[in-house]
Amino acid sequence: AFYFNGNPRQIFRFRMYRLVPSNLQNKQSTGTVRMILHTLSSEVEQQLRQCSDQPEVWWREVWSVWKQLNGNNEQLDAESPLHPDEWNQFMLAGIESMVSILKGCDVLWDPHWSPSKHQYLYNDEYDAAISARQSLNTTNLPSTFALDEAYHATMEAGTKGAIVDSISLIPGKRILIKDELSLWEEEFWINDRGYDPDAIVKEGHTANDDSEGLPFVYGNRRLVPYKLARVSRMSTTCGGGVNLIRSVVNSELEWTLGDEYRTAELYQEKLSAVDVAFGKQG
C-alpha cells in the first residue's frame, strides 16, 4: 500500500506483487526475477482500506473476502487454525481470482544490471547536474548504499515505458509510466515518473517533460527517486494463524505507521517540519 502524509488512512494505491524466478519462466536460469504487478478487486481493496493501518492482519482479511465470495461467511479470528488444503487452494487460485494483472508493467530484477539505466543512483540530491558521480562508479556512494549490496530493476517495456489507465491518481486518465528501482536491506528507491501520453506536444519542451516532450504528471522532475526507509518488519505467529506480528525497527519514522504510534501533536509537528522544508511556511 502507498499512502500520503505519513498517514496509512490516506491510501492512494494498493498493489500486489508476484515474483517469478527465471527458472520458472524458461529452462535456463539467468538470475533475473520477474515482478508482475496486480491491482486488487474492489471487494479486497474495500476490505483492506478499513484496516489500512494494520498490515499485520491483511492476510486474514483477504482470506475472509475469498471465503465470503465462495459462500462461506464464517469469521476467521487471529488464531483460527488453517486447513492445509484450503490454504493451498487460496494461494494457488483464490488470490489470483481477486486481482488483475497490470499489463505491460512487468519489472525485471536483473543481477547484470546496467548503471546507465539507473542514473538516479549517481545524482546529487537536488543538484542540477549529475556532477561528482558522472563516471558511474561506486566509489563516492555511502557504504550504506553500496551498489553491489542492492538489487536493481527496470521495466520490461524499457525506456519507452508503458501506458496504463489511471485508477486512483486521475481516474479515467491514461498515464505513461517509466520506472527504475533499487532495493537494499533497509531502503527501497523508486524512480517512478508519469507523463501525459495524450497531450499535444509543442515545439521546445521543458525539464518537466520527458525526452519526447510529453508533460510531467507525477514523480520527481530532477530524477531524484522516492527513497523509502524500512520502519518495521513482519514475522509469523507461533500458533499457525493468518496474523503476522509487526516489530518497529526505526523509531525515528514510526510516526508514519499511524495513530497508534504517535500523538496528534507529534504528527502535526512532523507535517509542519515538512512544510517548512518545502517552503510552505515561515
C-alpha atoms as a PDB file:
ATOM      1  CA  ALA A   1       0.000   0.000   0.000  1.00  0.00           C
ATOM      2  CA  PHE A   2       1.132   3.544  -0.750  1.00  0.00           C
ATOM      3  CA  TYR A   3      -0.218   6.483   1.216  1.00  0.00           C
ATOM      4  CA  PHE A   4       0.082  10.251   1.638  1.00  0.00           C
ATOM      5  CA  ASN A   5       1.378  12.395   4.522  1.00  0.00           C
ATOM      6  CA  GLY A   6       2.704   9.567   6.680  1.00  0.00           C
ATOM      7  CA  ASN A   7      -0.921   8.531   7.227  1.00  0.00           C
ATOM      8  CA  PRO A   8      -1.889   4.941   6.330  1.00  0.00           C
ATOM      9  CA  ARG A   9      -5.529   6.018   6.353  1.00  0.00           C
ATOM     10  CA  GLN A  10      -4.809   8.169   3.267  1.00  0.00           C
ATOM     11  CA  ILE A  11      -4.240   5.320   0.826  1.00  0.00           C
ATOM     12  CA  PHE A  12      -3.795   6.287  -2.810  1.00  0.00           C
ATOM     13  CA  ARG A  13      -2.706   2.932  -4.232  1.00  0.00           C
ATOM     14  CA  PHE A  14      -2.902  -0.761  -3.391  1.00  0.00           C
ATOM     15  CA  ARG A  15      -0.825  -3.249  -5.367  1.00  0.00           C
ATOM     16  CA  MET A  16       0.014  -6.929  -5.220  1.00  0.00           C
ATOM     17  CA  TYR A  17       3.439  -8.023  -6.490  1.00  0.00           C
ATOM     18  CA  ARG A  18       4.225 -11.556  -7.627  1.00  0.00           C
ATOM     19  CA  LEU A  19       7.857 -12.611  -8.030  1.00  0.00           C
ATOM     20  CA  VAL A  20       8.702 -15.258 -10.626  1.00  0.00           C
ATOM     21  CA  PRO A  21      12.331 -16.513 -10.855  1.00  0.00           C
ATOM     22  CA  SER A  22      13.748 -17.090 -14.328  1.00  0.00           C
ATOM     23  CA  ASN A  23      13.977 -20.868 -13.874  1.00  0.00           C
ATOM     24  CA  LEU A  24      10.175 -20.950 -13.705  1.00  0.00           C
ATOM     25  CA  GLN A  25       9.889 -18.896 -16.908  1.00  0.00           C
ATOM     26  CA  ASN A  26      12.204 -20.986 -19.042  1.00  0.00           C
ATOM     27  CA  LYS A  27      14.543 -23.964 -18.798  1.00  0.00           C
ATOM     28  CA  GLN A  28      17.672 -21.929 -18.128  1.00  0.00           C
ATOM     29  CA  SER A  29      18.139 -19.698 -15.100  1.00  0.00           C
ATOM     30  CA  THR A  30      19.586 -16.250 -15.813  1.00  0.00           C
ATOM     31  CA  GLY A  31      19.206 -14.991 -12.266  1.00  0.00           C
ATOM     32  CA  THR A  32      16.588 -12.471 -13.389  1.00  0.00           C
ATOM     33  CA  VAL A  33      13.394 -12.279 -11.330  1.00  0.00           C
ATOM     34  CA  ARG A  34      10.198 -11.051 -12.952  1.00  0.00           C
ATOM     35  CA  MET A  35       7.902  -8.924 -10.787  1.00  0.00           C
ATOM     36  CA  ILE A  36       4.295  -8.900 -12.005  1.00  0.00           C
ATOM     37  CA  LEU A  37       2.131  -6.013 -10.806  1.00  0.00           C
ATOM     38  CA  HIS A  38      -1.548  -6.505  -9.976  1.00  0.00           C
ATOM     39  CA  THR A  39      -4.452  -4.299  -8.966  1.00  0.00           C
ATOM     40  CA  LEU A  40      -6.883  -5.590  -6.335  1.00  0.00           C
ATOM     41  CA  SER A  41     -10.556  -6.370  -6.808  1.00  0.00           C
ATOM     42  CA  SER A  42     -12.984  -3.804  -5.432  1.00  0.00           C
ATOM     43  CA  GLU A  43     -14.026  -6.246  -2.671  1.00  0.00           C
ATOM     44  CA  VAL A  44     -10.473  -6.778  -1.465  1.00  0.00           C
ATOM     45  CA  GLU A  45      -9.486  -3.121  -1.679  1.00  0.00           C
ATOM     46  CA  GLN A  46     -12.594  -2.022   0.215  1.00  0.00           C
ATOM     47  CA  GLN A  47     -11.846  -4.524   2.981  1.00  0.00           C
ATOM     48  CA  LEU A  48      -8.185  -3.533   3.287  1.00  0.00           C
ATOM     49  CA  ARG A  49      -8.993   0.168   3.411  1.00  0.00           C
ATOM     50  CA  GLN A  50     -10.920  -0.484   6.607  1.00  0.00           C
ATOM     51  CA  CYS A  51      -7.722  -1.714   8.278  1.00  0.00           C
ATOM     52  CA  SER A  52      -5.117   0.063   6.164  1.00  0.00           C
ATOM     53  CA  ASP A  53      -3.037   0.932   9.227  1.00  0.00           C
ATOM     54  CA  GLN A  54      -2.846  -2.738  10.296  1.00  0.00           C
ATOM     55  CA  PRO A  55      -0.950  -4.642   7.576  1.00  0.00           C
ATOM     56  CA  GLU A  56      -0.322  -7.463  10.033  1.00  0.00           C
ATOM     57  CA  VAL A  57      -3.974  -8.553   9.591  1.00  0.00           C
ATOM     58  CA  TRP A  58      -4.222  -8.143   5.827  1.00  0.00           C
ATOM     59  CA  TRP A  59      -3.754 -11.852   5.073  1.00  0.00           C
ATOM     60  CA  ARG A  60      -6.666 -12.642   7.391  1.00  0.00           C
ATOM     61  CA  GLU A  61      -8.840 -10.003   5.727  1.00  0.00           C
ATOM     62  CA  VAL A  62      -8.076 -11.198   2.183  1.00  0.00           C
ATOM     63  CA  TRP A  63      -8.729 -14.781   3.275  1.00  0.00           C
ATOM     64  CA  SER A  64     -12.101 -13.697   4.712  1.00  0.00           C
ATOM     65  CA  VAL A  65     -13.075 -11.940   1.475  1.00  0.00           C
ATOM     66  CA  TRP A  66     -12.218 -15.072  -0.517  1.00  0.00           C
ATOM     67  CA  LYS A  67     -14.290 -17.249   1.822  1.00  0.00           C
ATOM     68  CA  GLN A  68     -17.246 -14.869   1.548  1.00  0.00           C
ATOM     69  CA  LEU A  69     -17.019 -14.791  -2.252  1.00  0.00           C
ATOM     70  CA  ASN A  70     -17.228 -18.580  -2.128  1.00  0.00           C
ATOM     71  CA  GLY A  71     -20.348 -18.547   0.042  1.00  0.00           C
ATOM     72  CA  ASN A  72     -18.695 -19.080   3.436  1.00  0.00           C
ATOM     73  CA  ASN A  73     -19.409 -16.231   5.863  1.00  0.00           C
ATOM     74  CA  GLU A  74     -17.583 -17.805   8.785  1.00  0.00           C
ATOM     75  CA  GLN A  75     -15.438 -15.232  10.578  1.00  0.00           C
ATOM     76  CA  LEU A  76     -11.768 -16.082  10.962  1.00  0.00           C
ATOM     77  CA  ASP A  77     -10.122 -14.813  14.129  1.00  0.00           C
ATOM     78  CA  ALA A  78      -6.410 -14.224  14.576  1.00  0.00           C
ATOM     79  CA  GLU A  79      -5.631 -17.666  15.970  1.00  0.00           C
ATOM     80  CA  SER A  80      -8.007 -19.766  13.880  1.00  0.00           C
ATOM     81  CA  PRO A  81      -6.242 -22.876  12.567  1.00  0.00           C
ATOM     82  CA  LEU A  82      -5.989 -23.152   8.796  1.00  0.00           C
ATOM     83  CA  HIS A  83      -6.845 -26.301   6.873  1.00  0.00           C
ATOM     84  CA  PRO A  84      -3.844 -27.031   4.600  1.00  0.00           C
ATOM     85  CA  ASP A  85      -5.993 -27.919   1.590  1.00  0.00           C
ATOM     86  CA  GLU A  86      -8.000 -24.704   1.857  1.00  0.00           C
ATOM     87  CA  TRP A  87      -4.865 -22.623   2.297  1.00  0.00           C
ATOM     88  CA  ASN A  88      -3.241 -24.229  -0.776  1.00  0.00           C
ATOM     89  CA  GLN A  89      -6.353 -23.553  -2.827  1.00  0.00           C
ATOM     90  CA  PHE A  90      -6.356 -19.963  -1.615  1.00  0.00           C
ATOM     91  CA  MET A  91      -2.697 -19.460  -2.527  1.00  0.00           C
ATOM     92  CA  LEU A  92      -2.900 -21.206  -5.914  1.00  0.00           C
ATOM     93  CA  ALA A  93      -6.232 -19.958  -7.225  1.00  0.00           C
ATOM     94  CA  GLY A  94      -8.010 -17.817  -4.645  1.00  0.00           C
ATOM     95  CA  ILE A  95      -5.663 -14.847  -4.699  1.00  0.00           C
ATOM     96  CA  GLU A  96      -5.413 -14.849  -8.487  1.00  0.00           C
ATOM     97  CA  SER A  97      -9.209 -14.627  -8.729  1.00  0.00           C
ATOM     98  CA  MET A  98      -9.207 -11.389  -6.725  1.00  0.00           C
ATOM     99  CA  VAL A  99      -6.501  -9.458  -8.577  1.00  0.00           C
ATOM    100  CA  SER A 100      -5.870  -8.262 -12.140  1.00  0.00           C
ATOM    101  CA  ILE A 101      -2.518  -8.001 -13.905  1.00  0.00           C
ATOM    102  CA  LEU A 102      -1.324  -4.532 -14.885  1.00  0.00           C
ATOM    103  CA  LYS A 103      -0.449  -5.445 -18.453  1.00  0.00           C
ATOM    104  CA  GLY A 104       2.818  -4.133 -19.837  1.00  0.00           C
ATOM    105  CA  CYS A 105       4.135  -3.137 -16.402  1.00  0.00           C
ATOM    106  CA  ASP A 106       6.285  -6.163 -15.539  1.00  0.00           C
ATOM    107  CA  VAL A 107       9.545  -5.286 -13.791  1.00  0.00           C
ATOM    108  CA  LEU A 108      12.770  -7.285 -14.188  1.00  0.00           C
ATOM    109  CA  TRP A 109      15.243  -7.590 -11.297  1.00  0.00           C
ATOM    110  CA  ASP A 110      18.484  -8.297 -13.118  1.00  0.00           C
ATOM    111  CA  PRO A 111      21.786  -9.240 -11.423  1.00  0.00           C
ATOM    112  CA  HIS A 112      23.526  -7.987 -14.587  1.00  0.00           C
ATOM    113  CA  TRP A 113      22.062  -4.501 -14.309  1.00  0.00           C
ATOM    114  CA  SER A 114      23.303  -1.540 -16.332  1.00  0.00           C
ATOM    115  CA  PRO A 115      24.395   1.642 -14.469  1.00  0.00           C
ATOM    116  CA  SER A 116      23.309   3.734 -17.442  1.00  0.00           C
ATOM    117  CA  LYS A 117      19.702   2.764 -16.717  1.00  0.00           C
ATOM    118  CA  HIS A 118      19.937   3.855 -13.080  1.00  0.00           C
ATOM    119  CA  GLN A 119      21.484   7.304 -13.246  1.00  0.00           C
ATOM    120  CA  TYR A 120      19.442   8.436 -10.245  1.00  0.00           C
ATOM    121  CA  LEU A 121      21.943   6.452  -8.154  1.00  0.00           C
ATOM    122  CA  TYR A 122      24.653   8.966  -9.067  1.00  0.00           C
ATOM    123  CA  ASN A 123      22.584  12.127  -8.922  1.00  0.00           C
ATOM    124  CA  ASP A 124      23.411  14.514  -6.072  1.00  0.00           C
ATOM    125  CA  GLU A 125      20.100  15.309  -4.467  1.00  0.00           C
ATOM    126  CA  TYR A 126      18.517  18.492  -5.820  1.00  0.00           C
ATOM    127  CA  ASP A 127      21.677  19.400  -7.709  1.00  0.00           C
ATOM    128  CA  ALA A 128      21.070  20.488 -11.288  1.00  0.00           C
ATOM    129  CA  ALA A 129      23.888  18.282 -12.582  1.00  0.00           C
ATOM    130  CA  ILE A 130      24.770  14.651 -12.196  1.00  0.00           C
ATOM    131  CA  SER A 131      28.104  16.091 -11.061  1.00  0.00           C
ATOM    132  CA  ALA A 132      30.610  14.185  -8.977  1.00  0.00           C
ATOM    133  CA  ARG A 133      29.458  10.716  -9.966  1.00  0.00           C
ATOM    134  CA  GLN A 134      29.358  11.103 -13.742  1.00  0.00           C
ATOM    135  CA  SER A 135      31.827   8.262 -14.124  1.00  0.00           C
ATOM    136  CA  LEU A 136      29.101   5.903 -12.862  1.00  0.00           C
ATOM    137  CA  ASN A 137      31.259   4.127 -10.326  1.00  0.00           C
ATOM    138  CA  THR A 138      30.527   3.259  -6.703  1.00  0.00           C
ATOM    139  CA  THR A 139      33.481   4.989  -5.054  1.00  0.00           C
ATOM    140  CA  ASN A 140      31.527   8.085  -3.980  1.00  0.00           C
ATOM    141  CA  LEU A 141      28.470   6.279  -2.672  1.00  0.00           C
ATOM    142  CA  PRO A 142      27.952   5.938   1.084  1.00  0.00           C
ATOM    143  CA  SER A 143      28.782   2.414   2.215  1.00  0.00           C
ATOM    144  CA  THR A 144      25.190   2.052   3.425  1.00  0.00           C
ATOM    145  CA  PHE A 145      24.085   2.160  -0.201  1.00  0.00           C
ATOM    146  CA  ALA A 146      26.838   0.165  -1.867  1.00  0.00           C
ATOM    147  CA  LEU A 147      25.509  -0.838  -5.260  1.00  0.00           C
ATOM    148  CA  ASP A 148      26.823  -4.389  -5.081  1.00  0.00           C
ATOM    149  CA  GLU A 149      24.686  -4.898  -1.974  1.00  0.00           C
ATOM    150  CA  ALA A 150      21.490  -3.879  -3.755  1.00  0.00           C
ATOM    151  CA  TYR A 151      19.087  -5.374  -6.268  1.00  0.00           C
ATOM    152  CA  HIS A 152      18.262  -3.222  -9.283  1.00  0.00           C
ATOM    153  CA  ALA A 153      15.317  -3.409 -11.670  1.00  0.00           C
ATOM    154  CA  THR A 154      13.876  -1.815 -14.781  1.00  0.00           C
ATOM    155  CA  MET A 155      10.566  -2.162 -16.595  1.00  0.00           C
ATOM    156  CA  GLU A 156      10.453  -4.891 -19.213  1.00  0.00           C
ATOM    157  CA  ALA A 157       8.989  -2.259 -21.543  1.00  0.00           C
ATOM    158  CA  GLY A 158      12.323  -0.443 -21.403  1.00  0.00           C
ATOM    159  CA  THR A 159      12.894   3.285 -21.558  1.00  0.00           C
ATOM    160  CA  LYS A 160       9.766   3.859 -23.640  1.00  0.00           C
ATOM    161  CA  GLY A 161       7.641   2.933 -20.602  1.00  0.00           C
ATOM    162  CA  ALA A 162       4.090   1.607 -20.526  1.00  0.00           C
ATOM    163  CA  ILE A 163       0.702   3.301 -20.835  1.00  0.00           C
ATOM    164  CA  VAL A 164      -1.933   2.389 -18.242  1.00  0.00           C
ATOM    165  CA  ASP A 165      -5.346   3.692 -17.247  1.00  0.00           C
ATOM    166  CA  SER A 166      -5.070   5.655 -14.004  1.00  0.00           C
ATOM    167  CA  ILE A 167      -7.372   4.249 -11.334  1.00  0.00           C
ATOM    168  CA  SER A 168      -6.576   6.306  -8.257  1.00  0.00           C
ATOM    169  CA  LEU A 169      -4.413   9.280  -9.260  1.00  0.00           C
ATOM    170  CA  ILE A 170      -6.538  10.737 -12.078  1.00  0.00           C
ATOM    171  CA  PRO A 171      -9.486   8.358 -12.705  1.00  0.00           C
ATOM    172  CA  GLY A 172     -10.197   7.875 -16.395  1.00  0.00           C
ATOM    173  CA  LYS A 173      -6.838   9.356 -17.463  1.00  0.00           C
ATOM    174  CA  ARG A 174      -4.157   7.461 -19.353  1.00  0.00           C
ATOM    175  CA  ILE A 175      -0.631   7.778 -17.948  1.00  0.00           C
ATOM    176  CA  LEU A 176       2.721   6.817 -19.448  1.00  0.00           C
ATOM    177  CA  ILE A 177       4.761   5.178 -16.681  1.00  0.00           C
ATOM    178  CA  LYS A 178       8.551   4.995 -16.558  1.00  0.00           C
ATOM    179  CA  ASP A 179      10.202   3.306 -13.610  1.00  0.00           C
ATOM    180  CA  GLU A 180      13.508   2.012 -12.251  1.00  0.00           C
ATOM    181  CA  LEU A 181      14.082   0.564  -8.792  1.00  0.00           C
ATOM    182  CA  SER A 182      16.876  -0.235  -6.335  1.00  0.00           C
ATOM    183  CA  LEU A 183      16.436  -2.329  -3.199  1.00  0.00           C
ATOM    184  CA  TRP A 184      18.741  -2.593  -0.194  1.00  0.00           C
ATOM    185  CA  GLU A 185      18.165  -4.378   3.100  1.00  0.00           C
ATOM    186  CA  GLU A 186      16.840  -1.205   4.731  1.00  0.00           C
ATOM    187  CA  GLU A 187      15.905   1.108   1.829  1.00  0.00           C
ATOM    188  CA  PHE A 188      13.871   0.957  -1.368  1.00  0.00           C
ATOM    189  CA  TRP A 189      14.392   3.629  -4.053  1.00  0.00           C
ATOM    190  CA  ILE A 190      11.679   4.030  -6.693  1.00  0.00           C
ATOM    191  CA  ASN A 191      12.373   6.299  -9.655  1.00  0.00           C
ATOM    192  CA  ASP A 192       8.734   6.361 -10.754  1.00  0.00           C
ATOM    193  CA  ARG A 193       7.555   9.051 -13.190  1.00  0.00           C
ATOM    194  CA  GLY A 194       4.283   9.569 -15.010  1.00  0.00           C
ATOM    195  CA  TYR A 195       3.640  11.549 -18.199  1.00  0.00           C
ATOM    196  CA  ASP A 196       0.599  12.517 -20.228  1.00  0.00           C
ATOM    197  CA  PRO A 197       0.692  10.449 -23.457  1.00  0.00           C
ATOM    198  CA  ASP A 198      -2.366  12.203 -24.886  1.00  0.00           C
ATOM    199  CA  ALA A 199      -1.039  15.754 -24.680  1.00  0.00           C
ATOM    200  CA  ILE A 200      -0.401  17.731 -27.830  1.00  0.00           C
ATOM    201  CA  VAL A 201       3.372  18.103 -27.954  1.00  0.00           C
ATOM    202  CA  LYS A 202       4.565  21.583 -28.829  1.00  0.00           C
ATOM    203  CA  GLU A 203       7.992  22.585 -30.064  1.00  0.00           C
ATOM    204  CA  GLY A 204      10.543  23.167 -27.323  1.00  0.00           C
ATOM    205  CA  HIS A 205       9.768  21.081 -24.245  1.00  0.00           C
ATOM    206  CA  THR A 206      10.971  21.831 -20.741  1.00  0.00           C
ATOM    207  CA  ALA A 207      12.726  19.907 -17.974  1.00  0.00           C
ATOM    208  CA  ASN A 208       9.277  18.920 -16.709  1.00  0.00           C
ATOM    209  CA  ASP A 209       8.732  16.844 -19.849  1.00  0.00           C
ATOM    210  CA  ASP A 210      10.185  13.530 -20.962  1.00  0.00           C
ATOM    211  CA  SER A 211      12.605  13.107 -23.874  1.00  0.00           C
ATOM    212  CA  GLU A 212       9.702  13.194 -26.336  1.00  0.00           C
ATOM    213  CA  GLY A 213       8.193  16.358 -24.868  1.00  0.00           C
ATOM    214  CA  LEU A 214       5.274  14.714 -23.028  1.00  0.00           C
ATOM    215  CA  PRO A 215       4.149  16.756 -19.985  1.00  0.00           C
ATOM    216  CA  PHE A 216       5.020  15.556 -16.500  1.00  0.00           C
ATOM    217  CA  VAL A 217       2.138  14.209 -14.335  1.00  0.00           C
ATOM    218  CA  TYR A 218       3.920  12.952 -11.201  1.00  0.00           C
ATOM    219  CA  GLY A 219       7.330  11.984  -9.853  1.00  0.00           C
ATOM    220  CA  ASN A 220      10.473  13.997  -9.214  1.00  0.00           C
ATOM    221  CA  ARG A 221      11.441  16.366 -12.004  1.00  0.00           C
ATOM    222  CA  ARG A 222      15.129  16.274 -11.002  1.00  0.00           C
ATOM    223  CA  LEU A 223      15.473  12.494 -11.281  1.00  0.00           C
ATOM    224  CA  VAL A 224      15.594  12.052  -7.513  1.00  0.00           C
ATOM    225  CA  PRO A 225      13.756   8.797  -6.679  1.00  0.00           C
ATOM    226  CA  TYR A 226      11.313   8.199  -3.865  1.00  0.00           C
ATOM    227  CA  LYS A 227      13.529   6.910  -1.041  1.00  0.00           C
ATOM    228  CA  LEU A 228      11.630   4.595   1.277  1.00  0.00           C
ATOM    229  CA  ALA A 229      13.257   3.525   4.538  1.00  0.00           C
ATOM    230  CA  ARG A 230      12.302   0.367   6.398  1.00  0.00           C
ATOM    231  CA  VAL A 231      10.289   1.210   9.501  1.00  0.00           C
ATOM    232  CA  SER A 232       9.039  -2.217  10.593  1.00  0.00           C
ATOM    233  CA  ARG A 233       9.402  -5.931   9.968  1.00  0.00           C
ATOM    234  CA  MET A 234       6.820  -8.696   9.854  1.00  0.00           C
ATOM    235  CA  SER A 235       7.147 -12.142  11.370  1.00  0.00           C
ATOM    236  CA  THR A 236       4.774 -15.094  11.573  1.00  0.00           C
ATOM    237  CA  THR A 237       2.927 -16.115  14.702  1.00  0.00           C
ATOM    238  CA  CYS A 238       3.595 -19.369  16.531  1.00  0.00           C
ATOM    239  CA  GLY A 239       0.011 -20.566  16.518  1.00  0.00           C
ATOM    240  CA  GLY A 240      -0.365 -21.060  12.783  1.00  0.00           C
ATOM    241  CA  GLY A 241      -2.948 -18.308  12.350  1.00  0.00           C
ATOM    242  CA  VAL A 242      -3.024 -15.879   9.447  1.00  0.00           C
ATOM    243  CA  ASN A 243      -1.991 -12.878  11.502  1.00  0.00           C
ATOM    244  CA  LEU A 244       1.542 -11.522  11.402  1.00  0.00           C
ATOM    245  CA  ILE A 245       3.482  -9.707  14.116  1.00  0.00           C
ATOM    246  CA  ARG A 246       4.852  -6.246  13.377  1.00  0.00           C
ATOM    247  CA  SER A 247       8.071  -5.057  15.010  1.00  0.00           C
ATOM    248  CA  VAL A 248       9.262  -1.450  14.707  1.00  0.00           C
ATOM    249  CA  VAL A 249      12.923  -1.170  13.667  1.00  0.00           C
ATOM    250  CA  ASN A 250      13.150   2.577  13.010  1.00  0.00           C
ATOM    251  CA  SER A 251      11.905   4.654  15.940  1.00  0.00           C
ATOM    252  CA  GLU A 252      12.546   7.958  14.137  1.00  0.00           C
ATOM    253  CA  LEU A 253       9.985   7.098  11.468  1.00  0.00           C
ATOM    254  CA  GLU A 254       7.472   5.048  13.425  1.00  0.00           C
ATOM    255  CA  TRP A 255       5.164   8.076  13.491  1.00  0.00           C
ATOM    256  CA  THR A 256       4.401   7.253   9.833  1.00  0.00           C
ATOM    257  CA  LEU A 257       2.750   3.945  10.832  1.00  0.00           C
ATOM    258  CA  GLY A 258      -0.463   5.501  12.125  1.00  0.00           C
ATOM    259  CA  ASP A 259      -2.222   6.884  15.173  1.00  0.00           C
ATOM    260  CA  GLU A 260      -1.112   4.008  17.396  1.00  0.00           C
ATOM    261  CA  TYR A 261       2.493   5.146  17.012  1.00  0.00           C
ATOM    262  CA  ARG A 262       2.150   8.899  17.577  1.00  0.00           C
ATOM    263  CA  THR A 263       0.222  11.623  19.313  1.00  0.00           C
ATOM    264  CA  ALA A 264      -1.784  14.214  17.397  1.00  0.00           C
ATOM    265  CA  GLU A 265       0.741  16.841  18.499  1.00  0.00           C
ATOM    266  CA  LEU A 266       3.716  14.854  17.219  1.00  0.00           C
ATOM    267  CA  TYR A 267       2.008  14.226  13.883  1.00  0.00           C
ATOM    268  CA  GLN A 268       1.308  17.924  13.390  1.00  0.00           C
ATOM    269  CA  GLU A 269       4.894  18.747  14.340  1.00  0.00           C
ATOM    270  CA  LYS A 270       6.235  16.343  11.724  1.00  0.00           C
ATOM    271  CA  LEU A 271       3.966  17.648   8.973  1.00  0.00           C
ATOM    272  CA  SER A 272       4.865  21.242   9.837  1.00  0.00           C
ATOM    273  CA  ALA A 273       8.548  20.363   9.536  1.00  0.00           C
ATOM    274  CA  VAL A 274       7.906  19.012   6.027  1.00  0.00           C
ATOM    275  CA  ASP A 275       6.032  22.188   5.085  1.00  0.00           C
ATOM    276  CA  VAL A 276       8.925  24.334   6.265  1.00  0.00           C
ATOM    277  CA  ALA A 277      11.435  22.193   4.347  1.00  0.00           C
ATOM    278  CA  PHE A 278       9.484  22.783   1.155  1.00  0.00           C
ATOM    279  CA  GLY A 279       8.954  26.475   1.781  1.00  0.00           C
ATOM    280  CA  LYS A 280       5.231  26.301   2.515  1.00  0.00           C
ATOM    281  CA  GLN A 281       5.625  28.052   5.847  1.00  0.00           C
ATOM    282  CA  GLY A 282       7.924  30.573   7.522  1.00  0.00           C
END
